[in-house]
Protein backbone atom coordinates (compact mmCIF):
# COMPACT_ATOMS: atom_id res chain seq x y z
CA MET A 1 -41.14 -4.70 6.69
CA ILE A 2 -38.12 -7.03 6.72
CA LEU A 3 -36.39 -7.62 10.03
CA SER A 4 -32.67 -8.35 9.96
CA ARG A 5 -31.81 -11.27 12.23
CA SER A 6 -28.61 -12.61 13.70
CA ARG A 7 -27.83 -15.02 16.49
CA THR A 8 -26.11 -14.59 19.83
CA ARG A 9 -23.55 -17.04 21.16
CA SER A 10 -26.36 -18.83 22.96
CA GLY A 11 -28.32 -19.16 19.71
CA ALA A 12 -30.99 -16.63 20.68
CA ARG A 13 -32.09 -14.29 17.90
CA ARG A 14 -31.30 -10.60 17.78
CA VAL A 15 -33.48 -8.47 15.55
CA LYS A 16 -32.25 -5.18 14.11
CA PRO A 17 -34.82 -2.39 13.83
CA PRO A 18 -36.41 -2.34 10.37
CA GLU A 19 -35.80 0.44 7.88
CA PRO A 20 -37.15 3.03 7.51
CA TYR A 21 -36.54 3.49 11.21
CA THR A 22 -39.28 4.50 13.60
CA TRP A 23 -37.95 6.82 16.28
CA PHE A 24 -39.63 6.51 19.69
CA ILE A 25 -39.60 9.82 21.57
CA ASP A 26 -39.26 9.26 25.32
CA ARG A 27 -41.44 11.43 27.55
CA SER A 28 -38.29 13.18 28.85
CA LEU A 29 -37.91 14.86 25.43
CA GLY A 30 -41.44 16.20 25.10
CA ARG A 31 -43.83 17.13 22.31
CA LYS A 32 -41.73 19.94 20.76
CA ILE A 33 -39.00 17.43 19.97
CA ALA A 34 -41.47 15.06 18.30
CA THR A 35 -42.88 17.92 16.20
CA GLY A 36 -39.41 19.15 15.22
CA LEU A 37 -38.28 15.66 14.21
CA ARG A 38 -41.45 15.08 12.19
CA ASP A 39 -40.75 18.36 10.40
CA ALA A 40 -37.29 16.93 9.61
CA GLN A 41 -38.92 13.81 8.08
CA PHE A 42 -38.30 11.42 10.99
CA GLN A 43 -40.99 8.74 11.39
CA VAL A 44 -41.89 9.35 15.04
CA GLU A 45 -43.88 7.60 17.77
CA GLU A 46 -44.48 9.60 20.95
CA HIS A 47 -44.47 8.14 24.44
CA SER A 48 -47.75 9.93 25.23
CA SER A 49 -49.52 8.19 22.32
CA HIS A 50 -48.86 4.72 23.75
CA PHE A 51 -48.18 4.93 27.49
CA ALA A 52 -49.26 6.70 30.65
CA ASP A 53 -46.96 9.53 31.73
CA ASP A 54 -45.92 7.53 34.77
CA ALA A 55 -45.32 4.25 32.89
CA PRO A 56 -42.14 2.61 34.19
CA ASP A 57 -39.21 2.77 31.76
CA ILE A 58 -39.07 -1.02 31.75
CA GLU A 59 -42.62 -1.16 30.35
CA TRP A 60 -42.10 1.17 27.41
CA LEU A 61 -38.57 -0.07 26.68
CA SER A 62 -39.93 -3.61 26.33
CA GLU A 63 -42.66 -2.45 23.97
CA ALA A 64 -40.24 -0.33 21.92
CA GLY A 65 -38.01 -3.39 21.52
CA ARG A 66 -40.94 -5.60 20.55
CA ARG A 67 -42.06 -3.11 17.90
CA GLY A 68 -38.54 -2.46 16.57
CA TRP A 69 -38.61 1.24 17.49
CA VAL A 70 -35.36 3.14 18.02
CA VAL A 71 -35.46 5.01 21.33
CA LEU A 72 -34.45 8.66 21.61
CA THR A 73 -34.14 10.06 25.13
CA LYS A 74 -32.32 12.57 27.30
CA ASP A 75 -32.76 10.39 30.38
CA LYS A 76 -29.23 9.39 31.38
CA SER A 77 -30.56 6.86 33.89
CA VAL A 78 -31.70 4.72 30.96
CA ARG A 79 -28.05 4.01 30.22
CA ARG A 80 -26.75 4.13 33.83
CA ASN A 81 -29.44 2.51 35.99
CA ALA A 82 -28.72 -1.23 36.29
CA LEU A 83 -32.40 -2.23 36.11
CA GLU A 84 -33.08 -0.09 33.04
CA PHE A 85 -29.80 -1.21 31.45
CA GLU A 86 -30.98 -4.80 31.84
CA ALA A 87 -34.37 -3.83 30.39
CA ILE A 88 -32.59 -2.44 27.32
CA ARG A 89 -30.70 -5.70 26.97
CA PHE A 90 -33.75 -7.89 27.58
CA ALA A 91 -35.94 -5.86 25.19
CA ASN A 92 -33.26 -5.80 22.45
CA VAL A 93 -33.58 -2.01 22.21
CA ALA A 94 -31.43 0.45 20.28
CA CYS A 95 -31.27 3.58 22.46
CA PHE A 96 -29.71 6.96 21.69
CA SER A 97 -29.43 9.37 24.60
CA LEU A 98 -28.48 13.02 24.52
CA GLY A 99 -25.22 13.43 26.41
CA HIS A 100 -26.35 16.83 27.67
CA GLY A 101 -30.02 17.00 28.67
CA ASN A 102 -30.08 20.71 29.52
CA LEU A 103 -30.48 21.89 25.93
CA ARG A 104 -33.39 23.93 24.60
CA ALA A 105 -35.90 22.03 22.44
CA GLU A 106 -34.58 23.45 19.17
CA GLN A 107 -31.01 22.47 20.15
CA MET A 108 -32.14 18.91 20.91
CA VAL A 109 -33.93 18.64 17.57
CA ARG A 110 -30.86 20.01 15.77
CA ALA A 111 -28.59 17.50 17.58
CA PHE A 112 -30.75 14.54 16.49
CA VAL A 113 -31.16 15.87 12.93
CA VAL A 114 -27.40 16.37 12.52
CA ALA A 115 -26.74 12.95 14.11
CA ARG A 116 -29.34 11.09 12.04
CA ARG A 117 -26.93 9.76 9.40
CA ARG A 118 -24.54 8.59 12.13
CA MET A 119 -27.35 7.01 14.17
CA GLU A 120 -28.55 5.13 11.09
CA ARG A 121 -24.98 4.00 10.44
CA VAL A 122 -24.83 2.68 14.02
CA LEU A 123 -28.10 0.80 13.51
CA ARG A 124 -26.72 -0.86 10.37
CA ARG A 125 -23.28 -1.66 11.81
CA PHE A 126 -23.95 -2.72 15.38
CA GLU A 127 -26.23 -5.40 16.76
CA PRO A 128 -28.85 -4.50 19.33
CA PRO A 129 -29.29 -4.19 22.16
CA LEU A 130 -27.23 -1.05 21.95
CA THR A 131 -26.84 2.30 23.65
CA ALA A 132 -25.15 5.38 22.27
CA THR A 133 -24.84 9.03 23.18
CA VAL A 134 -25.57 11.98 20.92
CA THR A 135 -23.81 15.28 21.59
CA ALA A 136 -25.23 18.75 21.10
CA ILE A 137 -23.26 19.02 17.83
CA GLY A 138 -24.53 15.65 16.52
CA SER A 139 -21.57 13.40 17.29
CA VAL A 140 -22.45 9.79 18.17
CA ARG A 141 -20.57 7.46 20.51
CA VAL A 142 -21.57 3.78 20.91
CA LEU A 143 -21.32 2.56 24.52
CA MET A 144 -22.93 -0.89 24.26
CA ALA A 145 -23.51 -3.18 21.29
CA ALA A 146 -24.87 -6.73 21.07
CA GLY A 147 -25.75 -6.39 24.76
CA GLN A 148 -22.11 -5.89 25.84
CA LEU A 149 -20.52 -2.71 27.14
CA LEU A 150 -17.69 -1.80 24.82
CA PRO A 151 -14.29 -1.64 26.57
CA HIS A 152 -13.56 1.45 24.46
CA PRO A 153 -16.64 3.41 23.31
CA ARG A 154 -16.69 3.87 19.53
CA ASP A 155 -17.13 7.26 17.90
CA VAL A 156 -19.08 6.96 14.65
CA LYS A 157 -18.12 9.18 11.74
C-alpha cells in the first residue's frame, strides 16, 4: 500500500487515501448498504465492526483518517457541525455524504455505485481533508478540499 503525500502551507503532511480505496460505512447507513456495496465490489469496512454504536463521530472519524478509509455517510451533521467539521480536518478524512438521507437502502446503494467513478476522481484530484455530497442520481459535488471550504463548490463529471 503506497500512500500519496503532499505538504500544506505550514509544511505538515497530507496523505491521500491509498488505492484500492477502502470505504468506511457510517452507522447512519446501516448493514444493507454495506452488503449492497460489497456486492458491487466495493472494499468495505463497517462502523459496527470497529466501534460501539454510540461512539462519538470524532472518535471514528479520527480512526478512519488514520487508516486511510474513505467515509460514506448520510449524516449531514458531519459536514455542517463545527466540531465534526474540525474533526474531519484534523483527521485528514475524505468524506462523501448523501445529499438526501431519506432514500431507501437500494436507492442509497445505487447512488454510491453510480457515483463511484466520480468519487474516485475526486480522491485523485483533490487533497484531503475533503467533503463532498452525492445525490440520489450519483452526481458528486466537492464542498471542501485540502481542509478549506471551496468558495464555489465543484461538480465532478
